[in-house]
């Protein structure tokens, strides 16, 4: 049996209107005083959710500052600039309300405000040496699972590459999973973030670091996604589908905390770093081709996944693993995700550089169930060009 270790949030609140728990958490931790920083982005701010949270916590006696300018998939310099803008203020709690970029930024900010002289790049070089300001994470998309992971993903502008900072000190103590915060998510974002969650679940399930804990969550999360993602895509007001997706996304984050993503994310990072392809979209484009590449190394695992989601083989299939990979491909296609890298301006002459950059993501490639050579990676990029 594979040995494993996992970190998880101290408390998780799941359900409709659980967002109202935030003042309760603050009162329990701080009494009726303290200063709270709420981070979000312009899109989530337009929904009014962050402002309602601010009003609720102000009513309990807390002073607050709302920053709604977190960029999508920020550069390391963006985070450092944000730290500089608030480093002379004292905060007792940080609340992140948004998708993965907001949550990762909030997690980094929580430790950078404690470490004072540190920068994002110094965290990459030296690691995170101590825990940060207490935080509450409120995901408004069902995809990244950042609220459950010890990871924060950032883009290095000079290297045009996404990288991950990993530390148990980045696991937030409190998480609020309220499906009503995801009801306004556009169908395109529902698709991209939902497929990102599926990548987390399936990659962790076939990873060399897969273990009984991650397997349990990965299979159930995969079942929830195949049950609910298309429903949420078609009808964004379907609260049950939204609830299932939010839970599946959280399970994906918990999987990452004890297992690891693999080649899908490794090949995705250069696409996001150099061409700013949204993370969920890049993963979705790569998912089926890389599952096909890995299939013969994880046949029995994919058969179990196929059984879990209730699919049957078709005439000509030698086993259920083939049917499973085909079903994944069909799901991606049904959600109208772009299918070709050329749609984002990538040309054949760009493939060698992308391949070299992907090979640098050894932290993830080392967990792939099959070794991937330069030619293997190049061939996959060319196949989806």
Protein backbone atom coordinates (compact mmCIF):
# COMPACT_ATOMS: atom_id res chain seq x y z
CA UNK A 1 0.00 0.00 0.00
CA UNK A 2 1.30 3.44 -0.96
CA UNK A 3 2.25 5.55 2.05
CA UNK A 4 0.76 9.02 2.13
CA UNK A 5 0.48 12.27 4.04
CA UNK A 6 -2.16 14.92 3.62
CA UNK A 7 -3.01 18.31 5.04
CA UNK A 8 -6.53 19.71 5.07
CA UNK A 9 -8.40 22.79 6.31
CA UNK A 10 -9.27 22.86 10.00
CA UNK A 11 -12.98 23.47 9.40
CA UNK A 12 -15.11 23.26 6.26
CA UNK A 13 -18.67 24.58 6.02
CA UNK A 14 -20.69 23.19 3.11
CA UNK A 15 -24.20 24.04 1.99
CA UNK A 16 -26.57 26.75 0.82
CA UNK A 17 -26.22 30.08 2.64
CA UNK A 18 -23.21 28.82 4.62
CA UNK A 19 -21.49 32.05 3.61
CA UNK A 20 -23.37 33.56 6.55
CA UNK A 21 -20.98 31.60 8.80
CA UNK A 22 -18.12 34.01 8.14
CA UNK A 23 -19.00 36.51 10.93
CA UNK A 24 -19.39 33.55 13.30
CA UNK A 25 -15.88 32.33 12.46
CA UNK A 26 -14.40 35.78 12.99
CA UNK A 27 -16.21 36.33 16.27
CA UNK A 28 -15.00 33.00 17.59
CA UNK A 29 -11.40 33.72 16.60
CA UNK A 30 -11.14 37.46 17.22
CA UNK A 31 -13.94 38.49 19.54
CA UNK A 32 -15.83 41.50 18.19
CA UNK A 33 -12.78 43.43 17.06
CA UNK A 34 -10.01 43.21 14.49
CA UNK A 35 -9.19 44.20 10.94
CA UNK A 36 -10.08 42.01 7.97
CA UNK A 37 -8.74 42.14 4.41
CA UNK A 38 -11.08 40.74 1.76
CA UNK A 39 -9.53 39.87 -1.61
CA UNK A 40 -11.49 39.31 -4.79
CA UNK A 41 -11.49 40.24 -8.49
CA UNK A 42 -13.62 42.60 -10.56
CA UNK A 43 -15.83 39.84 -11.94
CA UNK A 44 -16.78 38.47 -8.52
CA UNK A 45 -17.11 42.00 -7.14
CA UNK A 46 -19.74 42.68 -9.80
CA UNK A 47 -21.88 39.92 -8.29
CA UNK A 48 -22.15 41.82 -5.02
CA UNK A 49 -21.08 38.81 -2.93
CA UNK A 50 -17.90 40.36 -1.47
CA UNK A 51 -19.75 43.55 -0.56
CA UNK A 52 -22.42 41.58 1.30
CA UNK A 53 -19.72 39.78 3.27
CA UNK A 54 -18.12 43.12 4.15
CA UNK A 55 -21.46 44.48 5.39
CA UNK A 56 -22.03 41.39 7.55
CA UNK A 57 -18.64 41.51 9.21
CA UNK A 58 -18.75 45.27 9.70
CA UNK A 59 -22.06 44.79 11.52
CA UNK A 60 -20.20 42.55 13.98
CA UNK A 61 -17.67 45.25 14.82
CA UNK A 62 -14.80 44.46 12.43
CA UNK A 63 -13.05 47.04 10.31
CA UNK A 64 -12.50 45.87 6.74
CA UNK A 65 -10.63 46.62 3.56
CA UNK A 66 -11.87 45.30 0.22
CA UNK A 67 -9.44 44.86 -2.67
CA UNK A 68 -11.11 43.73 -5.90
CA UNK A 69 -8.22 44.03 -8.35
CA UNK A 70 -6.64 40.55 -8.22
CA UNK A 71 -5.82 39.73 -11.87
CA UNK A 72 -6.63 36.43 -13.51
CA UNK A 73 -3.62 34.09 -13.29
CA UNK A 74 -1.35 36.76 -11.76
CA UNK A 75 2.34 37.20 -12.29
CA UNK A 76 4.61 36.94 -9.24
CA UNK A 77 5.20 40.69 -9.55
CA UNK A 78 1.44 41.34 -9.29
CA UNK A 79 1.38 39.60 -5.91
CA UNK A 80 4.50 41.43 -4.71
CA UNK A 81 2.93 44.77 -5.69
CA UNK A 82 -0.23 43.88 -3.79
CA UNK A 83 1.83 43.04 -0.71
CA UNK A 84 3.66 46.38 -0.98
CA UNK A 85 0.33 48.24 -1.10
CA UNK A 86 -0.87 46.83 2.22
CA UNK A 87 2.27 45.80 4.12
CA UNK A 88 2.13 48.79 6.47
CA UNK A 89 -1.37 47.88 7.64
CA UNK A 90 -2.16 45.27 10.27
CA UNK A 91 -4.70 42.60 9.40
CA UNK A 92 -5.99 39.91 11.72
CA UNK A 93 -7.76 37.85 9.04
CA UNK A 94 -7.71 37.48 5.26
CA UNK A 95 -10.77 36.36 3.29
CA UNK A 96 -10.40 35.21 -0.31
CA UNK A 97 -13.59 35.22 -2.38
CA UNK A 98 -13.23 34.03 -5.96
CA UNK A 99 -11.64 31.49 -8.25
CA UNK A 100 -8.22 29.91 -8.03
CA UNK A 101 -6.26 33.09 -8.81
CA UNK A 102 -7.90 34.98 -5.96
CA UNK A 103 -7.55 32.10 -3.50
CA UNK A 104 -3.90 31.46 -4.38
CA UNK A 105 -3.15 35.17 -4.06
CA UNK A 106 -4.87 35.30 -0.67
CA UNK A 107 -2.87 32.28 0.51
CA UNK A 108 0.41 33.87 -0.58
CA UNK A 109 -0.53 37.21 0.91
CA UNK A 110 -1.28 35.58 4.26
CA UNK A 111 2.33 34.38 4.60
CA UNK A 112 4.07 37.29 2.87
CA UNK A 113 2.51 39.79 5.29
CA UNK A 114 3.94 37.77 8.18
CA UNK A 115 7.37 37.18 6.65
CA UNK A 116 7.71 40.93 5.89
CA UNK A 117 10.81 40.95 3.66
CA UNK A 118 9.92 37.89 1.59
CA UNK A 119 8.80 37.98 -2.04
CA UNK A 120 7.08 35.38 -4.19
CA UNK A 121 10.40 34.44 -5.80
CA UNK A 122 12.09 34.08 -2.40
CA UNK A 123 9.30 31.69 -1.39
CA UNK A 124 10.09 29.67 -4.52
CA UNK A 125 13.78 29.58 -3.62
CA UNK A 126 13.62 29.09 0.15
CA UNK A 127 10.13 27.77 0.85
CA UNK A 128 7.53 29.03 3.33
CA UNK A 129 9.04 29.09 6.81
CA UNK A 130 5.99 29.80 8.99
CA UNK A 131 2.23 30.05 8.96
CA UNK A 132 0.55 33.22 7.84
CA UNK A 133 -2.38 35.36 8.90
CA UNK A 134 -5.49 33.19 9.50
CA UNK A 135 -7.68 32.97 6.43
CA UNK A 136 -11.11 31.98 5.17
CA UNK A 137 -11.43 30.77 1.57
CA UNK A 138 -14.71 31.08 -0.31
CA UNK A 139 -14.48 29.55 -3.81
CA UNK A 140 -16.92 30.99 -6.36
CA UNK A 141 -15.96 28.54 -9.11
CA UNK A 142 -15.99 24.75 -8.95
CA UNK A 143 -12.63 23.90 -10.39
CA UNK A 144 -9.30 24.70 -8.82
CA UNK A 145 -9.86 23.19 -5.37
CA UNK A 146 -7.28 25.74 -4.17
CA UNK A 147 -9.19 26.08 -0.91
CA UNK A 148 -8.06 22.55 0.02
CA UNK A 149 -4.48 22.45 -1.27
CA UNK A 150 -1.05 23.35 0.09
CA UNK A 151 -0.25 24.86 -3.32
CA UNK A 152 -0.28 28.35 -4.78
CA UNK A 153 0.22 28.66 -8.54
CA UNK A 154 1.91 31.73 -9.95
CA UNK A 155 3.26 32.88 -13.34
CA UNK A 156 6.90 33.94 -13.70
CA UNK A 157 6.75 36.67 -16.32
CA UNK A 158 10.43 36.55 -17.31
CA UNK A 159 10.36 32.78 -17.80
CA UNK A 160 6.81 32.69 -19.24
CA UNK A 161 6.07 29.69 -17.06
CA UNK A 162 3.63 28.76 -14.34
CA UNK A 163 5.11 27.35 -11.17
CA UNK A 164 3.77 26.07 -7.88
CA UNK A 165 4.74 27.09 -4.37
CA UNK A 166 3.94 24.17 -2.06
CA UNK A 167 3.81 24.27 1.73
CA UNK A 168 1.50 22.98 4.47
CA UNK A 169 1.47 26.59 5.74
CA UNK A 170 -0.58 27.49 2.64
CA UNK A 171 -3.51 25.27 3.63
CA UNK A 172 -6.21 27.68 4.86
CA UNK A 173 -7.74 26.96 8.27
CA UNK A 174 -11.31 27.77 7.22
CA UNK A 175 -13.25 27.02 4.03
CA UNK A 176 -16.82 27.97 3.15
CA UNK A 177 -18.36 26.00 0.27
CA UNK A 178 -21.64 27.69 -0.59
CA UNK A 179 -23.08 26.59 -3.96
CA UNK A 180 -25.14 29.78 -4.18
CA UNK A 181 -21.91 31.73 -4.73
CA UNK A 182 -21.41 29.82 -8.00
CA UNK A 183 -24.89 30.35 -9.48
CA UNK A 184 -23.85 33.31 -11.61
CA UNK A 185 -20.87 31.55 -13.19
CA UNK A 186 -21.06 31.79 -17.03
CA UNK A 187 -21.39 28.49 -18.91
CA UNK A 188 -17.92 28.83 -20.47
CA UNK A 189 -16.32 29.22 -17.03
CA UNK A 190 -18.49 26.43 -15.65
CA UNK A 191 -17.07 24.15 -18.35
CA UNK A 192 -13.43 25.19 -18.01
CA UNK A 193 -13.34 25.12 -14.21
CA UNK A 194 -15.32 21.88 -14.04
CA UNK A 195 -12.91 20.16 -16.39
CA UNK A 196 -10.01 21.51 -14.34
CA UNK A 197 -11.53 19.73 -11.35
CA UNK A 198 -11.86 16.55 -13.40
CA UNK A 199 -8.18 16.80 -14.33
CA UNK A 200 -7.25 17.06 -10.66
CA UNK A 201 -9.29 13.99 -9.78
CA UNK A 202 -8.17 11.80 -12.66
CA UNK A 203 -4.52 12.84 -12.58
CA UNK A 204 -4.30 12.20 -8.84
CA UNK A 205 -6.02 8.84 -9.38
CA UNK A 206 -3.45 7.64 -11.92
CA UNK A 207 -0.46 9.38 -10.33
CA UNK A 208 2.46 7.38 -8.96
CA UNK A 209 1.57 9.01 -5.64
CA UNK A 210 -2.04 7.76 -5.67
CA UNK A 211 -3.06 6.24 -2.35
CA UNK A 212 -6.20 4.94 -0.58
CA UNK A 213 -7.15 8.43 0.60
CA UNK A 214 -6.85 10.09 -2.82
CA UNK A 215 -8.43 7.10 -4.61
CA UNK A 216 -11.56 7.31 -2.45
CA UNK A 217 -12.02 11.01 -3.15
CA UNK A 218 -10.98 10.81 -6.80
CA UNK A 219 -13.53 8.16 -7.73
CA UNK A 220 -16.40 9.87 -5.93
CA UNK A 221 -15.43 13.28 -7.30
CA UNK A 222 -15.27 11.85 -10.82
CA UNK A 223 -18.74 10.35 -10.38
CA UNK A 224 -20.10 13.72 -9.21
CA UNK A 225 -18.63 15.50 -12.23
CA UNK A 226 -20.01 13.04 -14.75
CA UNK A 227 -23.37 13.32 -12.99
CA UNK A 228 -23.50 17.11 -12.77
CA UNK A 229 -21.08 19.10 -14.94
CA UNK A 230 -23.16 19.02 -18.09
CA UNK A 231 -26.28 19.87 -16.06
CA UNK A 232 -24.56 22.90 -14.54
CA UNK A 233 -23.30 23.91 -17.99
CA UNK A 234 -26.81 23.78 -19.47
CA UNK A 235 -28.62 25.28 -16.48
CA UNK A 236 -26.46 27.43 -14.25
CA UNK A 237 -29.28 27.83 -11.73
CA UNK A 238 -29.41 24.10 -10.94
CA UNK A 239 -28.39 24.27 -7.28
CA UNK A 240 -28.01 20.50 -6.90
CA UNK A 241 -25.65 20.33 -9.88
CA UNK A 242 -23.74 23.34 -8.58
CA UNK A 243 -23.49 21.71 -5.13
CA UNK A 244 -22.14 18.48 -6.61
CA UNK A 245 -19.57 20.38 -8.66
CA UNK A 246 -18.39 22.43 -5.71
CA UNK A 247 -17.96 19.29 -3.66
CA UNK A 248 -16.15 17.51 -6.52
CA UNK A 249 -13.81 20.45 -6.89
CA UNK A 250 -13.05 20.37 -3.15
CA UNK A 251 -12.39 16.63 -3.38
CA UNK A 252 -9.96 17.36 -6.20
CA UNK A 253 -8.09 19.77 -3.96
CA UNK A 254 -7.93 17.19 -1.19
CA UNK A 255 -6.57 14.67 -3.71
CA UNK A 256 -3.79 17.07 -4.63
CA UNK A 257 -2.95 17.45 -0.95
CA UNK A 258 -2.02 13.74 -0.71
CA UNK A 259 -1.35 12.68 -4.31
CA UNK A 260 -0.32 14.87 -7.25
CA UNK A 261 -1.35 16.04 -10.69
CA UNK A 262 0.73 14.70 -13.55
CA UNK A 263 1.41 15.34 -17.25
CA UNK A 264 -1.79 17.26 -18.04
CA UNK A 265 -0.77 20.04 -15.68
CA UNK A 266 2.91 19.80 -16.66
CA UNK A 267 2.08 20.41 -20.32
CA UNK A 268 -0.57 22.98 -19.41
CA UNK A 269 1.72 25.30 -17.45
CA UNK A 270 3.72 26.52 -20.49
CA UNK A 271 0.46 27.22 -22.35
CA UNK A 272 -0.70 29.44 -19.54
CA UNK A 273 2.67 31.03 -18.91
CA UNK A 274 3.58 31.92 -22.49
CA UNK A 275 0.20 32.24 -24.20
CA UNK A 276 -2.08 33.06 -21.25
CA UNK A 277 -4.49 30.29 -22.18
CA UNK A 278 -6.89 30.02 -19.21
CA UNK A 279 -5.77 27.20 -16.95
CA UNK A 280 -8.96 25.14 -17.13
CA UNK A 281 -9.11 25.46 -20.92
CA UNK A 282 -5.48 24.38 -21.35
CA UNK A 283 -6.04 21.37 -19.11
CA UNK A 284 -9.24 20.44 -20.91
CA UNK A 285 -7.53 20.49 -24.33
CA UNK A 286 -4.79 18.19 -23.02
CA UNK A 287 -6.88 15.82 -20.90
CA UNK A 288 -8.06 13.24 -23.45
CA UNK A 289 -4.78 13.05 -25.45
CA UNK A 290 -2.73 12.49 -22.30
CA UNK A 291 -5.23 9.98 -20.90
CA UNK A 292 -4.85 8.08 -24.17
CA UNK A 293 -1.07 8.23 -23.84
CA UNK A 294 -1.21 6.90 -20.26
CA UNK A 295 -4.02 4.38 -20.75
CA UNK A 296 -1.98 1.21 -21.19
CA UNK A 297 -0.11 1.91 -17.92
CA UNK A 298 -3.29 2.32 -15.85
CA UNK A 299 -5.83 0.01 -17.52
CA UNK A 300 -7.21 -1.48 -14.31
CA UNK A 301 -7.59 1.92 -12.66
CA UNK A 302 -9.51 3.32 -15.62
CA UNK A 303 -11.72 0.24 -15.66
CA UNK A 304 -12.62 0.95 -12.03
CA UNK A 305 -13.33 4.59 -12.90
CA UNK A 306 -15.54 3.48 -15.80
CA UNK A 307 -17.50 1.16 -13.51
CA UNK A 308 -17.90 3.98 -10.97
CA UNK A 309 -19.49 6.34 -13.49
CA UNK A 310 -21.58 3.57 -15.05
CA UNK A 311 -20.38 3.45 -18.65
CA UNK A 312 -20.39 0.44 -20.96
CA UNK A 313 -17.99 -0.64 -23.70
CA UNK A 314 -18.89 -0.32 -27.35
CA UNK A 315 -18.40 -2.87 -30.09
CA UNK A 316 -14.68 -3.10 -30.81
CA UNK A 317 -13.52 -2.00 -27.35
CA UNK A 318 -11.11 -4.51 -25.85
CA UNK A 319 -11.82 -3.26 -22.32
CA UNK A 320 -13.59 -0.54 -20.35
CA UNK A 321 -10.49 1.65 -20.14
CA UNK A 322 -10.93 2.52 -23.82
CA UNK A 323 -14.57 3.38 -23.23
CA UNK A 324 -13.61 5.57 -20.29
CA UNK A 325 -11.08 7.63 -22.26
CA UNK A 326 -13.61 8.03 -25.07
CA UNK A 327 -16.25 9.19 -22.58
CA UNK A 328 -13.86 11.80 -21.20
CA UNK A 329 -13.23 13.06 -24.73
CA UNK A 330 -16.95 13.23 -25.44
CA UNK A 331 -17.59 15.20 -22.25
CA UNK A 332 -14.96 17.78 -23.20
CA UNK A 333 -16.43 18.11 -26.68
CA UNK A 334 -19.97 18.51 -25.34
CA UNK A 335 -18.89 21.52 -23.27
CA UNK A 336 -17.70 23.45 -26.32
CA UNK A 337 -14.12 23.84 -25.10
CA UNK A 338 -11.66 25.00 -27.83
CA UNK A 339 -9.90 21.95 -29.18
CA UNK A 340 -6.85 23.31 -31.02
CA UNK A 341 -3.83 25.26 -29.80
CA UNK A 342 -3.85 27.18 -33.08
CA UNK A 343 -7.01 28.93 -31.86
CA UNK A 344 -4.73 30.75 -29.40
CA UNK A 345 -2.11 31.79 -31.95
CA UNK A 346 0.27 28.90 -31.38
CA UNK A 347 2.17 27.76 -34.47
CA UNK A 348 4.21 24.69 -35.33
CA UNK A 349 7.45 26.57 -34.84
CA UNK A 350 6.43 27.29 -31.21
CA UNK A 351 6.17 23.59 -30.31
CA UNK A 352 9.87 22.95 -29.53
CA UNK A 353 9.96 25.81 -27.00
CA UNK A 354 6.73 24.63 -25.39
CA UNK A 355 8.17 21.13 -25.16
CA UNK A 356 11.35 22.38 -23.49
CA UNK A 357 9.30 24.36 -20.97
CA UNK A 358 7.06 21.38 -20.19
CA UNK A 359 10.11 19.20 -19.52
CA UNK A 360 11.11 21.65 -16.79
CA UNK A 361 7.96 20.84 -14.83
CA UNK A 362 9.66 17.77 -13.41
CA UNK A 363 7.75 17.99 -10.10
CA UNK A 364 4.64 16.82 -11.95
CA UNK A 365 6.12 14.76 -14.80
CA UNK A 366 7.89 12.55 -12.26
CA UNK A 367 4.47 11.42 -10.99
CA UNK A 368 3.07 10.52 -14.40
CA UNK A 369 2.38 6.76 -14.68
CA UNK A 370 4.48 6.59 -17.85
CA UNK A 371 7.76 8.37 -18.55
CA UNK A 372 7.44 11.18 -21.09
CA UNK A 373 10.31 11.95 -23.43
CA UNK A 374 10.88 15.12 -25.41
CA UNK A 375 9.38 13.40 -28.45
CA UNK A 376 6.32 12.20 -26.50
CA UNK A 377 5.53 15.72 -25.32
CA UNK A 378 6.23 17.26 -28.72
CA UNK A 379 3.94 14.71 -30.36
CA UNK A 380 1.06 15.52 -28.00
CA UNK A 381 1.39 19.28 -28.63
CA UNK A 382 1.52 18.67 -32.40
CA UNK A 383 -1.53 16.43 -32.20
CA UNK A 384 -3.67 19.21 -30.72
CA UNK A 385 -2.18 22.03 -32.79
